[in-house]
Full PDB file with SEQRES, HELIX, SHEET, SSBOND, CRYST1, ORIGX, SCALE, CONECT and MASTER records, all heavy atoms in Angstrom:
SEQRES   1 A   30  THR LEU ARG VAL TYR GLU ARG GLN GLY TRP THR ARG ILE          
SEQRES   2 A   30  ASN ARG GLY ARG ALA LEU MET GLU LEU ARG LEU GLN HIS          
SEQRES   3 A   30  GLY ILE LEU THR                                              
HELIX    1 AA1 LEU A    2  GLN A    8  1                                   7    
SHEET    1 AA1 2 ARG A  12  ASN A  14  0                                        
SHEET    2 AA1 2 ARG A  17  LEU A  19 -1                                        
SHEET    1 AA2 2 LEU A  24  GLN A  25  0                                        
SHEET    2 AA2 2 ILE A  28  LEU A  29 -1                                        
CRYST1    1.000    1.000    1.000  90.00  90.00  90.00 P 1           1          
ORIGX1      1.000000  0.000000  0.000000        0.00000                         
ORIGX2      0.000000  1.000000  0.000000        0.00000                         
ORIGX3      0.000000  0.000000  1.000000        0.00000                         
SCALE1      1.000000  0.000000  0.000000        0.00000                         
SCALE2      0.000000  1.000000  0.000000        0.00000                         
SCALE3      0.000000  0.000000  1.000000        0.00000                         
ATOM      1  N   THR A   1      -8.786  -8.867   0.168  1.00  0.00           N  
ATOM      2  CA  THR A   1      -7.378  -8.522  -0.003  1.00  0.00           C  
ATOM      3  C   THR A   1      -7.158  -7.050   0.242  1.00  0.00           C  
ATOM      4  O   THR A   1      -6.195  -6.645   0.898  1.00  0.00           O  
ATOM      5  CB  THR A   1      -6.909  -8.909  -1.410  1.00  0.00           C  
ATOM      6  OG1 THR A   1      -7.064 -10.316  -1.605  1.00  0.00           O  
ATOM      7  CG2 THR A   1      -5.444  -8.533  -1.614  1.00  0.00           C  
ATOM      8  N   LEU A   2      -8.052  -6.202  -0.294  1.00  0.00           N  
ATOM      9  CA  LEU A   2      -7.937  -4.776  -0.103  1.00  0.00           C  
ATOM     10  C   LEU A   2      -8.063  -4.418   1.378  1.00  0.00           C  
ATOM     11  O   LEU A   2      -7.303  -3.568   1.895  1.00  0.00           O  
ATOM     12  CB  LEU A   2      -9.006  -4.041  -0.918  1.00  0.00           C  
ATOM     13  CG  LEU A   2      -9.022  -2.511  -0.807  1.00  0.00           C  
ATOM     14  CD1 LEU A   2      -7.697  -1.924  -1.247  1.00  0.00           C  
ATOM     15  CD2 LEU A   2     -10.174  -1.926  -1.612  1.00  0.00           C  
ATOM     16  N   ARG A   3      -8.985  -5.050   2.099  1.00  0.00           N  
ATOM     17  CA  ARG A   3      -9.166  -4.776   3.531  1.00  0.00           C  
ATOM     18  C   ARG A   3      -7.917  -5.174   4.307  1.00  0.00           C  
ATOM     19  O   ARG A   3      -7.493  -4.470   5.232  1.00  0.00           O  
ATOM     20  CB  ARG A   3     -10.390  -5.525   4.052  1.00  0.00           C  
ATOM     21  CG  ARG A   3     -11.712  -5.026   3.498  1.00  0.00           C  
ATOM     22  CD  ARG A   3     -12.885  -5.657   4.218  1.00  0.00           C  
ATOM     23  NE  ARG A   3     -14.149  -5.264   3.655  1.00  0.00           N  
ATOM     24  CZ  ARG A   3     -14.842  -6.016   2.790  1.00  0.00           C  
ATOM     25  NH1 ARG A   3     -14.393  -7.195   2.411  1.00  0.00           N  
ATOM     26  NH2 ARG A   3     -15.997  -5.565   2.314  1.00  0.00           N  
ATOM     27  N   VAL A   4      -7.302  -6.325   3.969  1.00  0.00           N  
ATOM     28  CA  VAL A   4      -6.097  -6.765   4.632  1.00  0.00           C  
ATOM     29  C   VAL A   4      -4.965  -5.762   4.389  1.00  0.00           C  
ATOM     30  O   VAL A   4      -4.228  -5.380   5.311  1.00  0.00           O  
ATOM     31  CB  VAL A   4      -5.684  -8.169   4.156  1.00  0.00           C  
ATOM     32  CG1 VAL A   4      -4.287  -8.536   4.651  1.00  0.00           C  
ATOM     33  CG2 VAL A   4      -6.693  -9.210   4.615  1.00  0.00           C  
ATOM     34  N   TYR A   5      -4.806  -5.318   3.144  1.00  0.00           N  
ATOM     35  CA  TYR A   5      -3.761  -4.348   2.816  1.00  0.00           C  
ATOM     36  C   TYR A   5      -3.975  -3.047   3.567  1.00  0.00           C  
ATOM     37  O   TYR A   5      -3.004  -2.419   4.010  1.00  0.00           O  
ATOM     38  CB  TYR A   5      -3.728  -4.085   1.304  1.00  0.00           C  
ATOM     39  CG  TYR A   5      -3.064  -5.150   0.481  1.00  0.00           C  
ATOM     40  CD1 TYR A   5      -2.700  -6.373   1.047  1.00  0.00           C  
ATOM     41  CD2 TYR A   5      -2.823  -4.980  -0.866  1.00  0.00           C  
ATOM     42  CE1 TYR A   5      -2.095  -7.358   0.285  1.00  0.00           C  
ATOM     43  CE2 TYR A   5      -2.217  -5.961  -1.640  1.00  0.00           C  
ATOM     44  CZ  TYR A   5      -1.863  -7.148  -1.046  1.00  0.00           C  
ATOM     45  OH  TYR A   5      -1.261  -8.117  -1.798  1.00  0.00           O  
ATOM     46  N   GLU A   6      -5.237  -2.645   3.709  1.00  0.00           N  
ATOM     47  CA  GLU A   6      -5.514  -1.406   4.447  1.00  0.00           C  
ATOM     48  C   GLU A   6      -5.155  -1.557   5.920  1.00  0.00           C  
ATOM     49  O   GLU A   6      -4.571  -0.649   6.519  1.00  0.00           O  
ATOM     50  CB  GLU A   6      -7.005  -1.024   4.282  1.00  0.00           C  
ATOM     51  CG  GLU A   6      -7.319   0.355   4.857  1.00  0.00           C  
ATOM     52  CD  GLU A   6      -8.772   0.731   4.693  1.00  0.00           C  
ATOM     53  OE1 GLU A   6      -9.589  -0.158   4.393  1.00  0.00           O  
ATOM     54  OE2 GLU A   6      -9.093   1.925   4.846  1.00  0.00           O  
ATOM     55  N   ARG A   7      -5.486  -2.703   6.526  1.00  0.00           N  
ATOM     56  CA  ARG A   7      -5.141  -2.928   7.939  1.00  0.00           C  
ATOM     57  C   ARG A   7      -3.634  -2.964   8.125  1.00  0.00           C  
ATOM     58  O   ARG A   7      -3.113  -2.501   9.151  1.00  0.00           O  
ATOM     59  CB  ARG A   7      -5.761  -4.251   8.417  1.00  0.00           C  
ATOM     60  CG  ARG A   7      -7.285  -4.184   8.602  1.00  0.00           C  
ATOM     61  CD  ARG A   7      -7.780  -5.359   9.426  1.00  0.00           C  
ATOM     62  NE  ARG A   7      -7.525  -6.633   8.786  1.00  0.00           N  
ATOM     63  CZ  ARG A   7      -8.412  -7.254   7.986  1.00  0.00           C  
ATOM     64  NH1 ARG A   7      -9.603  -6.692   7.745  1.00  0.00           N  
ATOM     65  NH2 ARG A   7      -8.143  -8.412   7.445  1.00  0.00           N  
ATOM     66  N   GLN A   8      -2.895  -3.500   7.167  1.00  0.00           N  
ATOM     67  CA  GLN A   8      -1.450  -3.586   7.257  1.00  0.00           C  
ATOM     68  C   GLN A   8      -0.774  -2.248   6.935  1.00  0.00           C  
ATOM     69  O   GLN A   8       0.429  -2.101   7.129  1.00  0.00           O  
ATOM     70  CB  GLN A   8      -0.910  -4.665   6.311  1.00  0.00           C  
ATOM     71  CG  GLN A   8      -1.283  -6.068   6.727  1.00  0.00           C  
ATOM     72  CD  GLN A   8      -0.794  -7.102   5.719  1.00  0.00           C  
ATOM     73  OE1 GLN A   8      -0.701  -6.849   4.526  1.00  0.00           O  
ATOM     74  NE2 GLN A   8      -0.459  -8.279   6.210  1.00  0.00           N  
ATOM     75  N   GLY A   9      -1.545  -1.313   6.443  1.00  0.00           N  
ATOM     76  CA  GLY A   9      -0.953  -0.031   6.076  1.00  0.00           C  
ATOM     77  C   GLY A   9      -0.326  -0.025   4.699  1.00  0.00           C  
ATOM     78  O   GLY A   9       0.353   0.943   4.323  1.00  0.00           O  
ATOM     79  N   TRP A  10      -0.540  -1.074   3.913  1.00  0.00           N  
ATOM     80  CA  TRP A  10       0.011  -1.133   2.577  1.00  0.00           C  
ATOM     81  C   TRP A  10      -0.762  -0.296   1.586  1.00  0.00           C  
ATOM     82  O   TRP A  10      -0.277  -0.018   0.478  1.00  0.00           O  
ATOM     83  CB  TRP A  10       0.081  -2.578   2.084  1.00  0.00           C  
ATOM     84  CG  TRP A  10       1.115  -3.398   2.796  1.00  0.00           C  
ATOM     85  CD1 TRP A  10       1.930  -2.990   3.819  1.00  0.00           C  
ATOM     86  CD2 TRP A  10       1.438  -4.765   2.561  1.00  0.00           C  
ATOM     87  NE1 TRP A  10       2.745  -4.005   4.221  1.00  0.00           N  
ATOM     88  CE2 TRP A  10       2.462  -5.115   3.466  1.00  0.00           C  
ATOM     89  CE3 TRP A  10       0.975  -5.713   1.670  1.00  0.00           C  
ATOM     90  CZ2 TRP A  10       3.022  -6.375   3.517  1.00  0.00           C  
ATOM     91  CZ3 TRP A  10       1.526  -6.987   1.719  1.00  0.00           C  
ATOM     92  CH2 TRP A  10       2.545  -7.302   2.626  1.00  0.00           C  
ATOM     93  N   THR A  11      -1.982   0.085   1.950  1.00  0.00           N  
ATOM     94  CA  THR A  11      -2.771   0.967   1.102  1.00  0.00           C  
ATOM     95  C   THR A  11      -3.598   1.886   1.992  1.00  0.00           C  
ATOM     96  O   THR A  11      -3.874   1.556   3.147  1.00  0.00           O  
ATOM     97  CB  THR A  11      -3.703   0.174   0.157  1.00  0.00           C  
ATOM     98  OG1 THR A  11      -4.355   1.080  -0.734  1.00  0.00           O  
ATOM     99  CG2 THR A  11      -4.778  -0.574   0.951  1.00  0.00           C  
ATOM    100  N   ARG A  12      -3.952   3.026   1.478  1.00  0.00           N  
ATOM    101  CA  ARG A  12      -4.847   3.933   2.181  1.00  0.00           C  
ATOM    102  C   ARG A  12      -5.920   4.377   1.217  1.00  0.00           C  
ATOM    103  O   ARG A  12      -5.680   4.563   0.033  1.00  0.00           O  
ATOM    104  CB  ARG A  12      -4.106   5.135   2.759  1.00  0.00           C  
ATOM    105  CG  ARG A  12      -3.414   6.020   1.764  1.00  0.00           C  
ATOM    106  CD  ARG A  12      -2.603   7.117   2.439  1.00  0.00           C  
ATOM    107  NE  ARG A  12      -1.919   7.969   1.477  1.00  0.00           N  
ATOM    108  CZ  ARG A  12      -2.472   9.054   0.927  1.00  0.00           C  
ATOM    109  NH1 ARG A  12      -3.701   9.390   1.252  1.00  0.00           N  
ATOM    110  NH2 ARG A  12      -1.789   9.779   0.063  1.00  0.00           N  
ATOM    111  N   ILE A  13      -7.143   4.511   1.731  1.00  0.00           N  
ATOM    112  CA  ILE A  13      -8.275   4.869   0.897  1.00  0.00           C  
ATOM    113  C   ILE A  13      -8.633   6.319   1.123  1.00  0.00           C  
ATOM    114  O   ILE A  13      -8.835   6.743   2.261  1.00  0.00           O  
ATOM    115  CB  ILE A  13      -9.473   3.946   1.189  1.00  0.00           C  
ATOM    116  CG1 ILE A  13      -9.103   2.494   0.853  1.00  0.00           C  
ATOM    117  CG2 ILE A  13     -10.685   4.362   0.362  1.00  0.00           C  
ATOM    118  CD1 ILE A  13     -10.192   1.493   1.147  1.00  0.00           C  
ATOM    119  N   ASN A  14      -8.666   7.073   0.044  1.00  0.00           N  
ATOM    120  CA  ASN A  14      -8.961   8.501   0.111  1.00  0.00           C  
ATOM    121  C   ASN A  14      -9.914   8.865  -1.039  1.00  0.00           C  
ATOM    122  O   ASN A  14      -9.584   8.663  -2.197  1.00  0.00           O  
ATOM    123  CB  ASN A  14      -7.666   9.307   0.016  1.00  0.00           C  
ATOM    124  CG  ASN A  14      -7.889  10.795   0.125  1.00  0.00           C  
ATOM    125  OD1 ASN A  14      -8.832  11.245   0.782  1.00  0.00           O  
ATOM    126  ND2 ASN A  14      -7.044  11.589  -0.519  1.00  0.00           N  
ATOM    127  N   ARG A  15     -11.119   9.345  -0.671  1.00  0.00           N  
ATOM    128  CA  ARG A  15     -12.104   9.777  -1.655  1.00  0.00           C  
ATOM    129  C   ARG A  15     -12.405   8.678  -2.671  1.00  0.00           C  
ATOM    130  O   ARG A  15     -12.501   8.907  -3.883  1.00  0.00           O  
ATOM    131  CB  ARG A  15     -11.637  11.047  -2.366  1.00  0.00           C  
ATOM    132  CG  ARG A  15     -11.482  12.237  -1.451  1.00  0.00           C  
ATOM    133  CD  ARG A  15     -11.071  13.486  -2.199  1.00  0.00           C  
ATOM    134  NE  ARG A  15     -10.927  14.622  -1.294  1.00  0.00           N  
ATOM    135  CZ  ARG A  15     -10.570  15.828  -1.685  1.00  0.00           C  
ATOM    136  NH1 ARG A  15     -10.309  16.073  -2.981  1.00  0.00           N  
ATOM    137  NH2 ARG A  15     -10.448  16.805  -0.810  1.00  0.00           N  
ATOM    138  N   GLY A  16     -12.539   7.469  -2.176  1.00  0.00           N  
ATOM    139  CA  GLY A  16     -12.946   6.346  -3.024  1.00  0.00           C  
ATOM    140  C   GLY A  16     -11.810   5.744  -3.841  1.00  0.00           C  
ATOM    141  O   GLY A  16     -12.047   4.847  -4.664  1.00  0.00           O  
ATOM    142  N   ARG A  17     -10.570   6.202  -3.609  1.00  0.00           N  
ATOM    143  CA  ARG A  17      -9.418   5.655  -4.345  1.00  0.00           C  
ATOM    144  C   ARG A  17      -8.466   4.983  -3.358  1.00  0.00           C  
ATOM    145  O   ARG A  17      -8.177   5.502  -2.283  1.00  0.00           O  
ATOM    146  CB  ARG A  17      -8.673   6.768  -5.094  1.00  0.00           C  
ATOM    147  CG  ARG A  17      -9.528   7.636  -5.992  1.00  0.00           C  
ATOM    148  CD  ARG A  17     -10.082   6.861  -7.166  1.00  0.00           C  
ATOM    149  NE  ARG A  17      -9.058   6.569  -8.149  1.00  0.00           N  
ATOM    150  CZ  ARG A  17      -9.284   5.863  -9.255  1.00  0.00           C  
ATOM    151  NH1 ARG A  17     -10.492   5.369  -9.502  1.00  0.00           N  
ATOM    152  NH2 ARG A  17      -8.336   5.635 -10.124  1.00  0.00           N  
ATOM    153  N   ALA A  18      -8.012   3.782  -3.729  1.00  0.00           N  
ATOM    154  CA  ALA A  18      -7.025   3.067  -2.933  1.00  0.00           C  
ATOM    155  C   ALA A  18      -5.641   3.428  -3.468  1.00  0.00           C  
ATOM    156  O   ALA A  18      -5.344   3.210  -4.648  1.00  0.00           O  
ATOM    157  CB  ALA A  18      -7.244   1.558  -3.024  1.00  0.00           C  
ATOM    158  N   LEU A  19      -4.802   4.002  -2.606  1.00  0.00           N  
ATOM    159  CA  LEU A  19      -3.498   4.533  -3.014  1.00  0.00           C  
ATOM    160  C   LEU A  19      -2.383   3.643  -2.471  1.00  0.00           C  
ATOM    161  O   LEU A  19      -2.350   3.347  -1.268  1.00  0.00           O  
ATOM    162  CB  LEU A  19      -3.331   5.960  -2.524  1.00  0.00           C  
ATOM    163  CG  LEU A  19      -4.486   6.920  -2.824  1.00  0.00           C  
ATOM    164  CD1 LEU A  19      -4.219   8.290  -2.228  1.00  0.00           C  
ATOM    165  CD2 LEU A  19      -4.726   7.025  -4.331  1.00  0.00           C  
ATOM    166  N   MET A  20      -1.468   3.242  -3.331  1.00  0.00           N  
ATOM    167  CA  MET A  20      -0.328   2.430  -2.929  1.00  0.00           C  
ATOM    168  C   MET A  20       0.930   2.979  -3.600  1.00  0.00           C  
ATOM    169  O   MET A  20       0.910   3.295  -4.798  1.00  0.00           O  
ATOM    170  CB  MET A  20      -0.515   0.964  -3.314  1.00  0.00           C  
ATOM    171  CG  MET A  20      -1.626   0.246  -2.593  1.00  0.00           C  
ATOM    172  SD  MET A  20      -1.720  -1.512  -3.062  1.00  0.00           S  
ATOM    173  CE  MET A  20      -0.196  -2.111  -2.327  1.00  0.00           C  
ATOM    174  N   GLU A  21       2.019   3.053  -2.855  1.00  0.00           N  
ATOM    175  CA  GLU A  21       3.307   3.478  -3.408  1.00  0.00           C  
ATOM    176  C   GLU A  21       4.349   2.434  -3.027  1.00  0.00           C  
ATOM    177  O   GLU A  21       4.559   2.160  -1.845  1.00  0.00           O  
ATOM    178  CB  GLU A  21       3.705   4.844  -2.891  1.00  0.00           C  
ATOM    179  CG  GLU A  21       4.962   5.379  -3.552  1.00  0.00           C  
ATOM    180  CD  GLU A  21       5.250   6.826  -3.177  1.00  0.00           C  
ATOM    181  OE1 GLU A  21       4.535   7.358  -2.319  1.00  0.00           O  
ATOM    182  OE2 GLU A  21       6.204   7.389  -3.731  1.00  0.00           O  
ATOM    183  N   LEU A  22       4.999   1.852  -4.027  1.00  0.00           N  
ATOM    184  CA  LEU A  22       5.997   0.842  -3.807  1.00  0.00           C  
ATOM    185  C   LEU A  22       7.342   1.318  -4.358  1.00  0.00           C  
ATOM    186  O   LEU A  22       7.395   1.899  -5.453  1.00  0.00           O  
ATOM    187  CB  LEU A  22       5.617  -0.480  -4.515  1.00  0.00           C  
ATOM    188  CG  LEU A  22       4.352  -1.197  -4.042  1.00  0.00           C  
ATOM    189  CD1 LEU A  22       3.135  -0.634  -4.777  1.00  0.00           C  
ATOM    190  CD2 LEU A  22       4.431  -2.690  -4.291  1.00  0.00           C  
ATOM    191  N   ARG A  23       8.405   1.068  -3.585  1.00  0.00           N  
ATOM    192  CA  ARG A  23       9.747   1.391  -4.030  1.00  0.00           C  
ATOM    193  C   ARG A  23      10.666   0.214  -3.759  1.00  0.00           C  
ATOM    194  O   ARG A  23      10.603  -0.399  -2.676  1.00  0.00           O  
ATOM    195  CB  ARG A  23      10.284   2.638  -3.330  1.00  0.00           C  
ATOM    196  CG  ARG A  23       9.507   3.906  -3.663  1.00  0.00           C  
ATOM    197  CD  ARG A  23      10.124   5.140  -3.025  1.00  0.00           C  
ATOM    198  NE  ARG A  23       9.371   6.346  -3.332  1.00  0.00           N  
ATOM    199  CZ  ARG A  23       9.507   7.043  -4.458  1.00  0.00           C  
ATOM    200  NH1 ARG A  23      10.400   6.673  -5.355  1.00  0.00           N  
ATOM    201  NH2 ARG A  23       8.772   8.134  -4.659  1.00  0.00           N  
ATOM    202  N   LEU A  24      11.512  -0.086  -4.741  1.00  0.00           N  
ATOM    203  CA  LEU A  24      12.463  -1.196  -4.608  1.00  0.00           C  
ATOM    204  C   LEU A  24      13.871  -0.678  -4.829  1.00  0.00           C  
ATOM    205  O   LEU A  24      14.139  -0.017  -5.836  1.00  0.00           O  
ATOM    206  CB  LEU A  24      12.142  -2.291  -5.647  1.00  0.00           C  
ATOM    207  CG  LEU A  24      13.128  -3.465  -5.712  1.00  0.00           C  
ATOM    208  CD1 LEU A  24      13.104  -4.265  -4.402  1.00  0.00           C  
ATOM    209  CD2 LEU A  24      12.790  -4.379  -6.892  1.00  0.00           C  
ATOM    210  N   GLN A  25      14.746  -0.956  -3.882  1.00  0.00           N  
ATOM    211  CA  GLN A  25      16.141  -0.547  -4.012  1.00  0.00           C  
ATOM    212  C   GLN A  25      17.014  -1.466  -3.158  1.00  0.00           C  
ATOM    213  O   GLN A  25      16.726  -1.682  -1.989  1.00  0.00           O  
ATOM    214  CB  GLN A  25      16.340   0.901  -3.593  1.00  0.00           C  
ATOM    215  CG  GLN A  25      17.718   1.452  -3.919  1.00  0.00           C  
ATOM    216  CD  GLN A  25      17.792   2.958  -3.710  1.00  0.00           C  
ATOM    217  OE1 GLN A  25      16.966   3.542  -3.042  1.00  0.00           O  
ATOM    218  NE2 GLN A  25      18.794   3.606  -4.277  1.00  0.00           N  
ATOM    219  N   HIS A  26      18.047  -2.043  -3.787  1.00  0.00           N  
ATOM    220  CA  HIS A  26      19.007  -2.926  -3.100  1.00  0.00           C  
ATOM    221  C   HIS A  26      18.299  -4.065  -2.367  1.00  0.00           C  
ATOM    222  O   HIS A  26      18.669  -4.461  -1.270  1.00  0.00           O  
ATOM    223  CB  HIS A  26      19.854  -2.135  -2.091  1.00  0.00           C  
ATOM    224  CG  HIS A  26      20.559  -0.971  -2.694  1.00  0.00           C  
ATOM    225  ND1 HIS A  26      21.354  -1.064  -3.817  1.00  0.00           N  
ATOM    226  CD2 HIS A  26      20.593   0.353  -2.333  1.00  0.00           C  
ATOM    227  CE1 HIS A  26      21.858   0.123  -4.130  1.00  0.00           C  
ATOM    228  NE2 HIS A  26      21.403   0.994  -3.243  1.00  0.00           N  
ATOM    229  N   GLY A  27      17.251  -4.613  -2.999  1.00  0.00           N  
ATOM    230  CA  GLY A  27      16.563  -5.754  -2.420  1.00  0.00           C  
ATOM    231  C   GLY A  27      15.614  -5.405  -1.297  1.00  0.00           C  
ATOM    232  O   GLY A  27      15.041  -6.295  -0.658  1.00  0.00           O  
ATOM    233  N   ILE A  28      15.418  -4.107  -1.013  1.00  0.00           N  
ATOM    234  CA  ILE A  28      14.482  -3.670   0.026  1.00  0.00           C  
ATOM    235  C   ILE A  28      13.246  -3.092  -0.654  1.00  0.00           C  
ATOM    236  O   ILE A  28      13.338  -2.170  -1.461  1.00  0.00           O  
ATOM    237  CB  ILE A  28      15.096  -2.612   0.945  1.00  0.00           C  
ATOM    238  CG1 ILE A  28      16.378  -3.157   1.610  1.00  0.00           C  
ATOM    239  CG2 ILE A  28      14.093  -2.157   1.994  1.00  0.00           C  
ATOM    240  CD1 ILE A  28      16.135  -4.322   2.537  1.00  0.00           C  
ATOM    241  N   LEU A  29      12.077  -3.655  -0.329  1.00  0.00           N  
ATOM    242  CA  LEU A  29      10.824  -3.197  -0.889  1.00  0.00           C  
ATOM    243  C   LEU A  29      10.099  -2.343   0.164  1.00  0.00           C  
ATOM    244  O   LEU A  29       9.872  -2.812   1.296  1.00  0.00           O  
ATOM    245  CB  LEU A  29       9.944  -4.377  -1.301  1.00  0.00           C  
ATOM    246  CG  LEU A  29       8.579  -4.040  -1.879  1.00  0.00           C  
ATOM    247  CD1 LEU A  29       8.728  -3.296  -3.209  1.00  0.00           C  
ATOM    248  CD2 LEU A  29       7.759  -5.306  -2.090  1.00  0.00           C  
ATOM    249  N   THR A  30       9.760  -1.127  -0.193  1.00  0.00           N  
ATOM    250  CA  THR A  30       9.027  -0.230   0.688  1.00  0.00           C  
ATOM    251  C   THR A  30       7.614  -0.054   0.152  1.00  0.00           C  
ATOM    252  O   THR A  30       7.419   0.351  -0.991  1.00  0.00           O  
ATOM    253  CB  THR A  30       9.712   1.149   0.782  1.00  0.00           C  
ATOM    254  OG1 THR A  30      11.066   0.962   1.209  1.00  0.00           O  
ATOM    255  CG2 THR A  30       8.984   2.048   1.778  1.00  0.00           C  
TER     256      THR A  30                                                      
MASTER        0    0    0    1    4    0    0    6  255    1    0    3          
END                                                                             
């Protein structure tokens, strides 16, 4: 799952940490 998210750009791995930022507004999820 982590590898799929990384390929999709939903997460990025930096110094051994997987970083994700999610924002929801007016029904749009970023």
